[in-house]
Amino acid sequence: MLPPTVDWEVLTRYLAGETTEEENREVELWEASNAANRRQLSQLRKIWQASGSQTEAPETNVDLALQEITRKLNFAPTEYTLPKLEAKSDYSWVWKVAAVLVLSLGVVFAIFRNKTGVQDLGVAYVKYETEPGRQTKITLPDNSIVWLNGGSSLRYPKTFAANSREVQLTGEAFFDVAKDASKPFRITAAETVTEVKGTSFNVEAYTEQQDVIVSVVTGKVELREEDKPENRVLLTPDQTGKFNAETHQVISEPTSDLNFMAWQTRVLRFQNTDLKTVARDLEKVYGKKIRFRNQKLENCHFTGTFEKQTLEEIQEVLRLTLNLTFTEENGTVWIAGEGC
């Protein structure tokens, strides 16, 4: 049974990396039990990273507490500005402040929380965005490597929390995660969470598609629905997990997509592949929209391999093989022909 609540002191020591394995498990179960808990813990991590913040709160002299801890630790806290909450007419909101002494550090932090969540203290984040057809290599604070595909974005804190590493992805990226058993690596994408401790895998979660697709190269990866963590699959090398946003179904299956890494390797392999799939893979690699003037062409099939060739070179092979014509209009490649 998942714990409905977690003691504030345990949460504080968890953020400081001072908890036992049993307490770690307690917090992780609480966090996984629902999306609200995950949002709250995420906000608490931000507050922890900004410990030493100054603001006003009813019934608690935070300034005095911070002055005391500043005296003990001999450092000057950084100032942050908290957005003010306006009282609701039904007075249902309540300010709560927790000032907890961490045993090994003696650090006091203030938690300002209303009915819907914790206020964002504006912790520094880094965000990368890529244009279609371009890829970016990113080194994260823990030395994990991310290759971000075109038309994608990645957001992460400049400094990871003491007990976890969390990033947010829109689009597609390949992750080579540095091993750290004490800090799970979590990727939030669409309505899913992908969690690992050290492995390499590809995540595809473009906003225009219903499926979130995770393909594993090395190690073990867990794919789960964010709001229903019990809806999950454990993936191993050469397995692919899929979450469908419409049915909320999470499945695992052997990896059948020969080209899930093609956007990174520039190697495309097709084995009696329908032309609709060929066009989709070319779009992902080269960042060009590809459309059919004759829908019958989508069911034509092609077999062949391309290694680091230009889109124009590939078009020429397809033209000669399937008797197609290619034209480009306003950045969109149009395929025409009589069909197969």
C-alpha atoms as a PDB file:
ATOM      1  CA  MET A   1       0.000   0.000   0.000  1.00  0.00           C
ATOM      2  CA  LEU A   2       1.370   3.430  -0.972  1.00  0.00           C
ATOM      3  CA  PRO A   3       1.951   5.859   1.898  1.00  0.00           C
ATOM      4  CA  PRO A   4      -0.629   8.706   1.778  1.00  0.00           C
ATOM      5  CA  THR A   5       1.762  11.186   3.410  1.00  0.00           C
ATOM      6  CA  VAL A   6       5.439  11.603   4.154  1.00  0.00           C
ATOM      7  CA  ASP A   7       6.861  13.328   7.220  1.00  0.00           C
ATOM      8  CA  TRP A   8       8.364  16.761   6.490  1.00  0.00           C
ATOM      9  CA  GLU A   9      11.577  15.836   8.272  1.00  0.00           C
ATOM     10  CA  VAL A  10      11.989  12.750   6.084  1.00  0.00           C
ATOM     11  CA  LEU A  11      11.442  14.869   2.975  1.00  0.00           C
ATOM     12  CA  THR A  12      14.038  17.349   4.192  1.00  0.00           C
ATOM     13  CA  ARG A  13      16.655  14.688   4.832  1.00  0.00           C
ATOM     14  CA  TYR A  14      15.749  13.053   1.511  1.00  0.00           C
ATOM     15  CA  LEU A  15      16.556  16.280  -0.325  1.00  0.00           C
ATOM     16  CA  ALA A  16      19.839  16.501   1.579  1.00  0.00           C
ATOM     17  CA  GLY A  17      20.750  12.884   0.784  1.00  0.00           C
ATOM     18  CA  GLU A  18      20.607  11.859   4.464  1.00  0.00           C
ATOM     19  CA  THR A  19      17.827   9.257   4.339  1.00  0.00           C
ATOM     20  CA  THR A  20      18.086   5.493   4.772  1.00  0.00           C
ATOM     21  CA  GLU A  21      17.208   3.057   1.985  1.00  0.00           C
ATOM     22  CA  GLU A  22      13.871   2.388   3.658  1.00  0.00           C
ATOM     23  CA  GLU A  23      13.103   6.113   3.858  1.00  0.00           C
ATOM     24  CA  ASN A  24      14.172   6.560   0.244  1.00  0.00           C
ATOM     25  CA  ARG A  25      11.703   3.880  -0.754  1.00  0.00           C
ATOM     26  CA  GLU A  26       8.983   5.532   1.338  1.00  0.00           C
ATOM     27  CA  VAL A  27       9.469   8.858  -0.415  1.00  0.00           C
ATOM     28  CA  GLU A  28       9.683   7.222  -3.858  1.00  0.00           C
ATOM     29  CA  LEU A  29       6.436   5.333  -3.272  1.00  0.00           C
ATOM     30  CA  TRP A  30       4.751   8.517  -2.092  1.00  0.00           C
ATOM     31  CA  GLU A  31       6.076  10.386  -5.122  1.00  0.00           C
ATOM     32  CA  ALA A  32       4.919   7.685  -7.531  1.00  0.00           C
ATOM     33  CA  SER A  33       1.416   7.438  -6.042  1.00  0.00           C
ATOM     34  CA  ASN A  34       0.029  10.414  -7.988  1.00  0.00           C
ATOM     35  CA  ALA A  35       0.942  13.366 -10.189  1.00  0.00           C
ATOM     36  CA  ALA A  36       0.215  15.927  -7.454  1.00  0.00           C
ATOM     37  CA  ASN A  37       2.876  14.386  -5.202  1.00  0.00           C
ATOM     38  CA  ARG A  38       5.378  14.413  -8.059  1.00  0.00           C
ATOM     39  CA  ARG A  39       4.699  18.068  -8.746  1.00  0.00           C
ATOM     40  CA  GLN A  40       5.013  18.891  -5.053  1.00  0.00           C
ATOM     41  CA  LEU A  41       8.310  17.054  -4.646  1.00  0.00           C
ATOM     42  CA  SER A  42       9.631  18.700  -7.796  1.00  0.00           C
ATOM     43  CA  GLN A  43       8.819  22.095  -6.317  1.00  0.00           C
ATOM     44  CA  LEU A  44      10.428  21.142  -3.012  1.00  0.00           C
ATOM     45  CA  ARG A  45      13.611  20.235  -4.865  1.00  0.00           C
ATOM     46  CA  LYS A  46      13.612  23.714  -6.387  1.00  0.00           C
ATOM     47  CA  ILE A  47      13.148  25.245  -2.937  1.00  0.00           C
ATOM     48  CA  TRP A  48      15.955  23.114  -1.550  1.00  0.00           C
ATOM     49  CA  GLN A  49      18.284  24.258  -4.308  1.00  0.00           C
ATOM     50  CA  ALA A  50      17.354  27.819  -3.470  1.00  0.00           C
ATOM     51  CA  SER A  51      17.722  27.372   0.299  1.00  0.00           C
ATOM     52  CA  GLY A  52      18.515  30.678   1.879  1.00  0.00           C
ATOM     53  CA  SER A  53      15.655  32.447   0.067  1.00  0.00           C
ATOM     54  CA  GLN A  54      14.032  35.388   1.820  1.00  0.00           C
ATOM     55  CA  THR A  55      10.366  36.354   1.818  1.00  0.00           C
ATOM     56  CA  GLU A  56       7.492  36.970   4.163  1.00  0.00           C
ATOM     57  CA  ALA A  57       4.947  34.447   5.381  1.00  0.00           C
ATOM     58  CA  PRO A  58       2.230  34.621   7.997  1.00  0.00           C
ATOM     59  CA  GLU A  59       2.976  33.323  11.492  1.00  0.00           C
ATOM     60  CA  THR A  60       6.613  32.524  10.662  1.00  0.00           C
ATOM     61  CA  ASN A  61       9.629  34.802  10.876  1.00  0.00           C
ATOM     62  CA  VAL A  62      11.598  33.338   7.989  1.00  0.00           C
ATOM     63  CA  ASP A  63      14.069  36.236   7.945  1.00  0.00           C
ATOM     64  CA  LEU A  64      15.064  35.497  11.539  1.00  0.00           C
ATOM     65  CA  ALA A  65      15.490  31.796  10.778  1.00  0.00           C
ATOM     66  CA  LEU A  66      17.625  32.563   7.746  1.00  0.00           C
ATOM     67  CA  GLN A  67      19.771  34.985   9.704  1.00  0.00           C
ATOM     68  CA  GLU A  68      20.412  32.267  12.264  1.00  0.00           C
ATOM     69  CA  ILE A  69      21.393  29.667   9.696  1.00  0.00           C
ATOM     70  CA  THR A  70      23.496  32.238   7.848  1.00  0.00           C
ATOM     71  CA  ARG A  71      25.353  32.865  11.113  1.00  0.00           C
ATOM     72  CA  LYS A  72      25.887  29.120  11.623  1.00  0.00           C
ATOM     73  CA  LEU A  73      27.037  28.390   8.092  1.00  0.00           C
ATOM     74  CA  ASN A  74      28.840  31.679   7.506  1.00  0.00           C
ATOM     75  CA  PHE A  75      27.452  32.430   4.068  1.00  0.00           C
ATOM     76  CA  ALA A  76      25.226  35.080   2.523  1.00  0.00           C
ATOM     77  CA  PRO A  77      21.982  33.674   1.148  1.00  0.00           C
ATOM     78  CA  THR A  78      20.898  34.545  -2.368  1.00  0.00           C
ATOM     79  CA  GLU A  79      17.757  36.634  -2.628  1.00  0.00           C
ATOM     80  CA  TYR A  80      14.801  35.300  -4.622  1.00  0.00           C
ATOM     81  CA  THR A  81      11.471  36.991  -5.220  1.00  0.00           C
ATOM     82  CA  LEU A  82       8.400  34.879  -4.572  1.00  0.00           C
ATOM     83  CA  PRO A  83       5.264  35.710  -6.539  1.00  0.00           C
ATOM     84  CA  LYS A  84       2.485  36.726  -4.160  1.00  0.00           C
ATOM     85  CA  LEU A  85      -0.676  34.643  -3.921  1.00  0.00           C
ATOM     86  CA  GLU A  86      -3.959  36.472  -3.902  1.00  0.00           C
ATOM     87  CA  ALA A  87      -6.506  35.254  -1.351  1.00  0.00           C
ATOM     88  CA  LYS A  88      -9.459  33.419  -2.844  1.00  0.00           C
ATOM     89  CA  SER A  89     -12.968  34.408  -1.903  1.00  0.00           C
ATOM     90  CA  ASP A  90     -13.659  31.080  -0.215  1.00  0.00           C
ATOM     91  CA  TYR A  91     -10.484  31.370   1.917  1.00  0.00           C
ATOM     92  CA  SER A  92      -9.705  27.746   1.037  1.00  0.00           C
ATOM     93  CA  TRP A  93      -5.993  28.404   0.611  1.00  0.00           C
ATOM     94  CA  VAL A  94      -3.621  28.042   3.554  1.00  0.00           C
ATOM     95  CA  TRP A  95       0.015  29.090   3.879  1.00  0.00           C
ATOM     96  CA  LYS A  96       2.240  26.504   5.502  1.00  0.00           C
ATOM     97  CA  VAL A  97       5.864  27.007   6.399  1.00  0.00           C
ATOM     98  CA  ALA A  98       8.256  24.273   7.531  1.00  0.00           C
ATOM     99  CA  ALA A  99      11.662  25.181   8.990  1.00  0.00           C
ATOM    100  CA  VAL A 100      13.592  21.945   9.492  1.00  0.00           C
ATOM    101  CA  LEU A 101      17.117  21.517  10.881  1.00  0.00           C
ATOM    102  CA  VAL A 102      19.072  18.984   8.795  1.00  0.00           C
ATOM    103  CA  LEU A 103      21.327  16.987  11.131  1.00  0.00           C
ATOM    104  CA  SER A 104      24.567  17.113   9.172  1.00  0.00           C
ATOM    105  CA  LEU A 105      24.183  20.530   7.558  1.00  0.00           C
ATOM    106  CA  GLY A 106      22.017  22.586   9.904  1.00  0.00           C
ATOM    107  CA  VAL A 107      20.229  24.120   6.914  1.00  0.00           C
ATOM    108  CA  VAL A 108      16.826  25.743   7.344  1.00  0.00           C
ATOM    109  CA  PHE A 109      14.486  25.925   4.393  1.00  0.00           C
ATOM    110  CA  ALA A 110      10.998  27.397   4.111  1.00  0.00           C
ATOM    111  CA  ILE A 111       8.195  25.649   2.263  1.00  0.00           C
ATOM    112  CA  PHE A 112       5.406  27.880   1.055  1.00  0.00           C
ATOM    113  CA  ARG A 113       2.476  25.817  -0.055  1.00  0.00           C
ATOM    114  CA  ASN A 114      -1.144  26.432  -1.020  1.00  0.00           C
ATOM    115  CA  LYS A 115      -3.936  23.994  -1.765  1.00  0.00           C
ATOM    116  CA  THR A 116      -2.825  23.352  -5.349  1.00  0.00           C
ATOM    117  CA  GLY A 117       0.935  23.164  -4.923  1.00  0.00           C
ATOM    118  CA  VAL A 118       4.148  24.885  -3.907  1.00  0.00           C
ATOM    119  CA  GLN A 119       5.257  28.222  -5.233  1.00  0.00           C
ATOM    120  CA  ASP A 120       8.065  28.179  -7.833  1.00  0.00           C
ATOM    121  CA  LEU A 121      11.177  29.930  -6.558  1.00  0.00           C
ATOM    122  CA  GLY A 122      12.595  30.357 -10.053  1.00  0.00           C
ATOM    123  CA  VAL A 123      15.445  27.833  -9.887  1.00  0.00           C
ATOM    124  CA  ALA A 124      17.768  28.273 -12.873  1.00  0.00           C
ATOM    125  CA  TYR A 125      16.973  25.952 -15.766  1.00  0.00           C
ATOM    126  CA  VAL A 126      18.675  25.306 -19.078  1.00  0.00           C
ATOM    127  CA  LYS A 127      16.572  24.774 -22.196  1.00  0.00           C
ATOM    128  CA  TYR A 128      17.765  23.625 -25.600  1.00  0.00           C
ATOM    129  CA  GLU A 129      15.612  23.815 -28.721  1.00  0.00           C
ATOM    130  CA  THR A 130      16.530  22.496 -32.167  1.00  0.00           C
ATOM    131  CA  GLU A 131      15.264  23.447 -35.595  1.00  0.00           C
ATOM    132  CA  PRO A 132      13.908  20.690 -37.891  1.00  0.00           C
ATOM    133  CA  GLY A 133      16.754  18.889 -39.619  1.00  0.00           C
ATOM    134  CA  ARG A 134      19.347  19.877 -37.002  1.00  0.00           C
ATOM    135  CA  GLN A 135      20.677  17.894 -34.044  1.00  0.00           C
ATOM    136  CA  THR A 136      22.444  19.038 -30.891  1.00  0.00           C
ATOM    137  CA  LYS A 137      24.720  17.169 -28.487  1.00  0.00           C
ATOM    138  CA  ILE A 138      24.181  18.172 -24.851  1.00  0.00           C
ATOM    139  CA  THR A 139      26.238  17.288 -21.771  1.00  0.00           C
ATOM    140  CA  LEU A 140      24.115  17.338 -18.604  1.00  0.00           C
ATOM    141  CA  PRO A 141      25.389  18.325 -15.116  1.00  0.00           C
ATOM    142  CA  ASP A 142      25.994  14.631 -14.246  1.00  0.00           C
ATOM    143  CA  ASN A 143      27.961  14.088 -17.496  1.00  0.00           C
ATOM    144  CA  SER A 144      25.109  12.191 -19.121  1.00  0.00           C
ATOM    145  CA  ILE A 145      25.024  12.795 -22.877  1.00  0.00           C
ATOM    146  CA  VAL A 146      21.898  13.711 -24.830  1.00  0.00           C
ATOM    147  CA  TRP A 147      21.577  13.962 -28.598  1.00  0.00           C
ATOM    148  CA  LEU A 148      18.533  16.126 -29.308  1.00  0.00           C
ATOM    149  CA  ASN A 149      16.793  15.589 -32.642  1.00  0.00           C
ATOM    150  CA  GLY A 150      15.353  18.317 -34.835  1.00  0.00           C
ATOM    151  CA  GLY A 151      12.116  20.021 -33.817  1.00  0.00           C
ATOM    152  CA  SER A 152      12.692  19.051 -30.177  1.00  0.00           C
ATOM    153  CA  SER A 153      13.378  20.692 -26.830  1.00  0.00           C
ATOM    154  CA  LEU A 154      15.043  19.602 -23.576  1.00  0.00           C
ATOM    155  CA  ARG A 155      14.728  21.384 -20.218  1.00  0.00           C
ATOM    156  CA  TYR A 156      16.732  20.571 -17.084  1.00  0.00           C
ATOM    157  CA  PRO A 157      18.036  22.306 -13.919  1.00  0.00           C
ATOM    158  CA  LYS A 158      21.573  23.674 -13.929  1.00  0.00           C
ATOM    159  CA  THR A 159      22.180  21.525 -10.840  1.00  0.00           C
ATOM    160  CA  PHE A 160      20.418  18.223 -10.198  1.00  0.00           C
ATOM    161  CA  ALA A 161      18.804  17.512  -6.821  1.00  0.00           C
ATOM    162  CA  ALA A 162      20.509  15.337  -4.206  1.00  0.00           C
ATOM    163  CA  ASN A 163      18.396  12.245  -4.866  1.00  0.00           C
ATOM    164  CA  SER A 164      17.305  12.402  -8.499  1.00  0.00           C
ATOM    165  CA  ARG A 165      18.016  13.715 -11.975  1.00  0.00           C
ATOM    166  CA  GLU A 166      14.958  15.041 -13.796  1.00  0.00           C
ATOM    167  CA  VAL A 167      14.599  16.444 -17.302  1.00  0.00           C
ATOM    168  CA  GLN A 168      11.675  17.370 -19.550  1.00  0.00           C
ATOM    169  CA  LEU A 169      11.557  16.376 -23.222  1.00  0.00           C
ATOM    170  CA  THR A 170       9.391  17.412 -26.130  1.00  0.00           C
ATOM    171  CA  GLY A 171      10.220  15.702 -29.408  1.00  0.00           C
ATOM    172  CA  GLU A 172      12.970  13.111 -29.706  1.00  0.00           C
ATOM    173  CA  ALA A 173      16.328  12.470 -28.061  1.00  0.00           C
ATOM    174  CA  PHE A 174      18.853   9.718 -27.505  1.00  0.00           C
ATOM    175  CA  PHE A 175      20.119   9.458 -23.923  1.00  0.00           C
ATOM    176  CA  ASP A 176      23.396   7.949 -22.733  1.00  0.00           C
ATOM    177  CA  VAL A 177      22.848   8.214 -18.987  1.00  0.00           C
ATOM    178  CA  ALA A 178      25.780   8.235 -16.565  1.00  0.00           C
ATOM    179  CA  LYS A 179      25.426   5.481 -13.976  1.00  0.00           C
ATOM    180  CA  ASP A 180      24.439   6.604 -10.490  1.00  0.00           C
ATOM    181  CA  ALA A 181      22.335   4.107  -8.535  1.00  0.00           C
ATOM    182  CA  SER A 182      21.625   6.696  -5.829  1.00  0.00           C
ATOM    183  CA  LYS A 183      20.075   9.168  -8.296  1.00  0.00           C
ATOM    184  CA  PRO A 184      17.427   7.796 -10.653  1.00  0.00           C
ATOM    185  CA  PHE A 185      17.290   9.599 -13.987  1.00  0.00           C
ATOM    186  CA  ARG A 186      13.741  10.566 -14.974  1.00  0.00           C
ATOM    187  CA  ILE A 187      12.485  11.956 -18.269  1.00  0.00           C
ATOM    188  CA  THR A 188       9.032  13.516 -18.359  1.00  0.00           C
ATOM    189  CA  ALA A 189       7.602  13.468 -21.886  1.00  0.00           C
ATOM    190  CA  ALA A 190       3.938  14.076 -22.729  1.00  0.00           C
ATOM    191  CA  GLU A 191       2.010  12.005 -20.165  1.00  0.00           C
ATOM    192  CA  THR A 192       4.843   9.598 -19.368  1.00  0.00           C
ATOM    193  CA  VAL A 193       7.861   9.170 -17.136  1.00  0.00           C
ATOM    194  CA  THR A 194      10.873   7.169 -18.285  1.00  0.00           C
ATOM    195  CA  GLU A 195      13.179   6.176 -15.431  1.00  0.00           C
ATOM    196  CA  VAL A 196      16.674   4.691 -15.492  1.00  0.00           C
ATOM    197  CA  LYS A 197      19.854   4.635 -13.396  1.00  0.00           C
ATOM    198  CA  GLY A 198      22.402   4.275 -16.163  1.00  0.00           C
ATOM    199  CA  THR A 199      21.724   3.119 -19.733  1.00  0.00           C
ATOM    200  CA  SER A 200      21.275   4.256 -23.339  1.00  0.00           C
ATOM    201  CA  PHE A 201      17.965   4.555 -25.138  1.00  0.00           C
ATOM    202  CA  ASN A 202      15.879   6.667 -27.508  1.00  0.00           C
ATOM    203  CA  VAL A 203      12.720   8.574 -26.557  1.00  0.00           C
ATOM    204  CA  GLU A 204      10.283   9.823 -29.186  1.00  0.00           C
ATOM    205  CA  ALA A 205       7.488  12.100 -27.933  1.00  0.00           C
ATOM    206  CA  TYR A 206       6.511  14.634 -30.556  1.00  0.00           C
ATOM    207  CA  THR A 207       3.423  16.682 -29.735  1.00  0.00           C
ATOM    208  CA  GLU A 208       1.702  15.836 -33.021  1.00  0.00           C
ATOM    209  CA  GLN A 209       1.758  12.068 -32.424  1.00  0.00           C
ATOM    210  CA  GLN A 210      -0.317  10.004 -30.000  1.00  0.00           C
ATOM    211  CA  ASP A 211       2.400   7.533 -29.034  1.00  0.00           C
ATOM    212  CA  VAL A 212       5.412   8.020 -26.790  1.00  0.00           C
ATOM    213  CA  ILE A 213       8.011   5.495 -27.971  1.00  0.00           C
ATOM    214  CA  VAL A 214      11.047   4.360 -25.964  1.00  0.00           C
ATOM    215  CA  SER A 215      13.614   2.056 -27.607  1.00  0.00           C
ATOM    216  CA  VAL A 216      16.382   0.585 -25.458  1.00  0.00           C
ATOM    217  CA  VAL A 217      19.964   0.000 -26.623  1.00  0.00           C
ATOM    218  CA  THR A 218      21.669  -0.907 -23.322  1.00  0.00           C
ATOM    219  CA  GLY A 219      20.590  -1.420 -19.715  1.00  0.00           C
ATOM    220  CA  LYS A 220      17.062  -1.429 -18.280  1.00  0.00           C
ATOM    221  CA  VAL A 221      14.441   1.291 -18.664  1.00  0.00           C
ATOM    222  CA  GLU A 222      11.048   1.740 -17.029  1.00  0.00           C
ATOM    223  CA  LEU A 223       8.285   3.454 -18.996  1.00  0.00           C
ATOM    224  CA  ARG A 224       5.175   4.451 -17.053  1.00  0.00           C
ATOM    225  CA  GLU A 225       2.151   6.692 -17.274  1.00  0.00           C
ATOM    226  CA  GLU A 226       2.710   9.828 -15.211  1.00  0.00           C
ATOM    227  CA  ASP A 227      -0.698   9.868 -13.494  1.00  0.00           C
ATOM    228  CA  LYS A 228      -0.970   6.073 -13.132  1.00  0.00           C
ATOM    229  CA  PRO A 229       2.497   4.799 -12.170  1.00  0.00           C
ATOM    230  CA  GLU A 230       1.189   1.246 -11.840  1.00  0.00           C
ATOM    231  CA  ASN A 231       0.645   1.348 -15.616  1.00  0.00           C
ATOM    232  CA  ARG A 232       4.240   0.540 -16.528  1.00  0.00           C
ATOM    233  CA  VAL A 233       6.595  -1.756 -18.435  1.00  0.00           C
ATOM    234  CA  LEU A 234      10.235  -2.687 -17.848  1.00  0.00           C
ATOM    235  CA  LEU A 235      12.320  -2.638 -21.015  1.00  0.00           C
ATOM    236  CA  THR A 236      15.624  -4.355 -21.794  1.00  0.00           C
ATOM    237  CA  PRO A 237      17.956  -4.074 -24.823  1.00  0.00           C
ATOM    238  CA  ASP A 238      16.251  -4.505 -28.215  1.00  0.00           C
ATOM    239  CA  GLN A 239      12.848  -3.834 -26.681  1.00  0.00           C
ATOM    240  CA  THR A 240      10.537  -0.916 -27.375  1.00  0.00           C
ATOM    241  CA  GLY A 241       7.881   0.487 -25.061  1.00  0.00           C
ATOM    242  CA  LYS A 242       4.891   2.471 -26.289  1.00  0.00           C
ATOM    243  CA  PHE A 243       2.358   4.639 -24.476  1.00  0.00           C
ATOM    244  CA  ASN A 244      -0.790   5.614 -26.355  1.00  0.00           C
ATOM    245  CA  ALA A 245      -2.307   8.903 -25.194  1.00  0.00           C
ATOM    246  CA  GLU A 246      -5.801   7.945 -26.392  1.00  0.00           C
ATOM    247  CA  THR A 247      -6.076   4.463 -24.878  1.00  0.00           C
ATOM    248  CA  HIS A 248      -3.564   5.063 -22.037  1.00  0.00           C
ATOM    249  CA  GLN A 249      -2.133   1.640 -22.812  1.00  0.00           C
ATOM    250  CA  VAL A 250       1.542   0.912 -22.126  1.00  0.00           C
ATOM    251  CA  ILE A 251       3.023  -2.030 -24.017  1.00  0.00           C
ATOM    252  CA  SER A 252       6.422  -3.577 -24.702  1.00  0.00           C
ATOM    253  CA  GLU A 253       7.496  -5.389 -27.835  1.00  0.00           C
ATOM    254  CA  PRO A 254      10.672  -6.400 -29.672  1.00  0.00           C
ATOM    255  CA  THR A 255      12.214  -3.422 -31.472  1.00  0.00           C
ATOM    256  CA  SER A 256      11.152  -3.693 -35.100  1.00  0.00           C
ATOM    257  CA  ASP A 257      11.984  -0.168 -36.289  1.00  0.00           C
ATOM    258  CA  LEU A 258      15.301  -0.492 -38.120  1.00  0.00           C
ATOM    259  CA  ASN A 259      15.694   3.269 -38.223  1.00  0.00           C
ATOM    260  CA  PHE A 260      14.934   4.547 -34.741  1.00  0.00           C
ATOM    261  CA  MET A 261      18.569   5.687 -34.519  1.00  0.00           C
ATOM    262  CA  ALA A 262      18.858   6.897 -38.117  1.00  0.00           C
ATOM    263  CA  TRP A 263      18.413  10.572 -37.234  1.00  0.00           C
ATOM    264  CA  GLN A 264      21.641  10.263 -35.244  1.00  0.00           C
ATOM    265  CA  THR A 265      23.658   7.760 -37.348  1.00  0.00           C
ATOM    266  CA  ARG A 266      22.454   8.910 -40.781  1.00  0.00           C
ATOM    267  CA  VAL A 267      22.143   5.242 -41.776  1.00  0.00           C
ATOM    268  CA  LEU A 268      18.738   4.234 -43.161  1.00  0.00           C
ATOM    269  CA  ARG A 269      17.731   0.621 -43.783  1.00  0.00           C
ATOM    270  CA  PHE A 270      14.528  -0.438 -45.498  1.00  0.00           C
ATOM    271  CA  GLN A 271      13.383  -4.034 -45.886  1.00  0.00           C
ATOM    272  CA  ASN A 272      10.249  -4.257 -48.042  1.00  0.00           C
ATOM    273  CA  THR A 273       9.106  -1.084 -46.266  1.00  0.00           C
ATOM    274  CA  ASP A 274       5.974   0.776 -47.344  1.00  0.00           C
ATOM    275  CA  LEU A 275       6.650   4.193 -48.832  1.00  0.00           C
ATOM    276  CA  LYS A 276       4.622   5.958 -46.141  1.00  0.00           C
ATOM    277  CA  THR A 277       7.105   4.706 -43.528  1.00  0.00           C
ATOM    278  CA  VAL A 278      10.043   5.551 -45.790  1.00  0.00           C
ATOM    279  CA  ALA A 279       8.772   9.138 -46.048  1.00  0.00           C
ATOM    280  CA  ARG A 280       8.277   9.364 -42.275  1.00  0.00           C
ATOM    281  CA  ASP A 281      11.840   8.212 -41.604  1.00  0.00           C
ATOM    282  CA  LEU A 282      13.237  10.647 -44.158  1.00  0.00           C
ATOM    283  CA  GLU A 283      11.310  13.484 -42.507  1.00  0.00           C
ATOM    284  CA  LYS A 284      12.846  12.689 -39.114  1.00  0.00           C
ATOM    285  CA  VAL A 285      16.387  12.505 -40.478  1.00  0.00           C
ATOM    286  CA  TYR A 286      16.376  15.449 -42.883  1.00  0.00           C
ATOM    287  CA  GLY A 287      13.782  17.753 -41.314  1.00  0.00           C
ATOM    288  CA  LYS A 288      11.722  18.158 -44.498  1.00  0.00           C
ATOM    289  CA  LYS A 289       7.981  17.626 -44.728  1.00  0.00           C
ATOM    290  CA  ILE A 290       7.214  14.909 -47.286  1.00  0.00           C
ATOM    291  CA  ARG A 291       3.730  14.491 -48.741  1.00  0.00           C
ATOM    292  CA  PHE A 292       2.075  12.350 -51.430  1.00  0.00           C
ATOM    293  CA  ARG A 293       0.043  13.763 -54.303  1.00  0.00           C
ATOM    294  CA  ASN A 294      -1.285  10.261 -54.949  1.00  0.00           C
ATOM    295  CA  GLN A 295      -2.202   8.401 -51.742  1.00  0.00           C
ATOM    296  CA  LYS A 296      -1.844   5.047 -53.525  1.00  0.00           C
ATOM    297  CA  LEU A 297       1.911   5.586 -53.475  1.00  0.00           C
ATOM    298  CA  GLU A 298       1.956   5.157 -49.696  1.00  0.00           C
ATOM    299  CA  ASN A 299       1.468   1.404 -50.173  1.00  0.00           C
ATOM    300  CA  CYS A 300       4.407   0.956 -52.539  1.00  0.00           C
ATOM    301  CA  HIS A 301       7.348  -0.935 -51.006  1.00  0.00           C
ATOM    302  CA  PHE A 302      11.088  -0.342 -51.126  1.00  0.00           C
ATOM    303  CA  THR A 303      14.196  -2.274 -50.078  1.00  0.00           C
ATOM    304  CA  GLY A 304      17.571  -0.608 -49.777  1.00  0.00           C
ATOM    305  CA  THR A 305      20.212   0.969 -47.518  1.00  0.00           C
ATOM    306  CA  PHE A 306      21.484   4.540 -47.450  1.00  0.00           C
ATOM    307  CA  GLU A 307      24.591   5.547 -45.514  1.00  0.00           C
ATOM    308  CA  LYS A 308      25.064   9.260 -44.879  1.00  0.00           C
ATOM    309  CA  GLN A 309      23.649  10.258 -48.244  1.00  0.00           C
ATOM    310  CA  THR A 310      21.873  13.514 -48.986  1.00  0.00           C
ATOM    311  CA  LEU A 311      18.109  13.684 -49.328  1.00  0.00           C
ATOM    312  CA  GLU A 312      18.516  14.541 -53.005  1.00  0.00           C
ATOM    313  CA  GLU A 313      20.607  11.407 -53.583  1.00  0.00           C
ATOM    314  CA  ILE A 314      17.972   9.259 -51.874  1.00  0.00           C
ATOM    315  CA  GLN A 315      15.204  10.871 -53.927  1.00  0.00           C
ATOM    316  CA  GLU A 316      17.072   9.996 -57.114  1.00  0.00           C
ATOM    317  CA  VAL A 317      17.295   6.319 -56.119  1.00  0.00           C
ATOM    318  CA  LEU A 318      13.577   6.228 -55.274  1.00  0.00           C
ATOM    319  CA  ARG A 319      12.741   8.007 -58.534  1.00  0.00           C
ATOM    320  CA  LEU A 320      14.575   5.453 -60.639  1.00  0.00           C
ATOM    321  CA  THR A 321      13.390   2.447 -58.612  1.00  0.00           C
ATOM    322  CA  LEU A 322       9.677   3.288 -58.299  1.00  0.00           C
ATOM    323  CA  ASN A 323       9.210   5.693 -61.221  1.00  0.00           C
ATOM    324  CA  LEU A 324       8.422   8.643 -58.959  1.00  0.00           C
ATOM    325  CA  THR A 325       8.756  12.393 -59.372  1.00  0.00           C
ATOM    326  CA  PHE A 326       9.817  14.791 -56.588  1.00  0.00           C
ATOM    327  CA  THR A 327       9.066  18.498 -56.390  1.00  0.00           C
ATOM    328  CA  GLU A 328       9.605  20.952 -53.546  1.00  0.00           C
ATOM    329  CA  GLU A 329       7.127  23.716 -52.747  1.00  0.00           C
ATOM    330  CA  ASN A 330       7.489  26.071 -49.783  1.00  0.00           C
ATOM    331  CA  GLY A 331       9.749  23.681 -47.919  1.00  0.00           C
ATOM    332  CA  THR A 332       7.553  20.599 -48.526  1.00  0.00           C
ATOM    333  CA  VAL A 333       8.676  17.721 -50.762  1.00  0.00           C
ATOM    334  CA  TRP A 334       5.844  16.319 -52.873  1.00  0.00           C
ATOM    335  CA  ILE A 335       5.953  12.794 -54.272  1.00  0.00           C
ATOM    336  CA  ALA A 336       3.970  12.006 -57.398  1.00  0.00           C
ATOM    337  CA  GLY A 337       3.526   8.927 -59.567  1.00  0.00           C
ATOM    338  CA  GLU A 338       0.972   6.430 -60.803  1.00  0.00           C
ATOM    339  CA  GLY A 339       1.262   3.977 -57.942  1.00  0.00           C
ATOM    340  CA  CYS A 340       2.509   0.400 -57.705  1.00  0.00           C
END
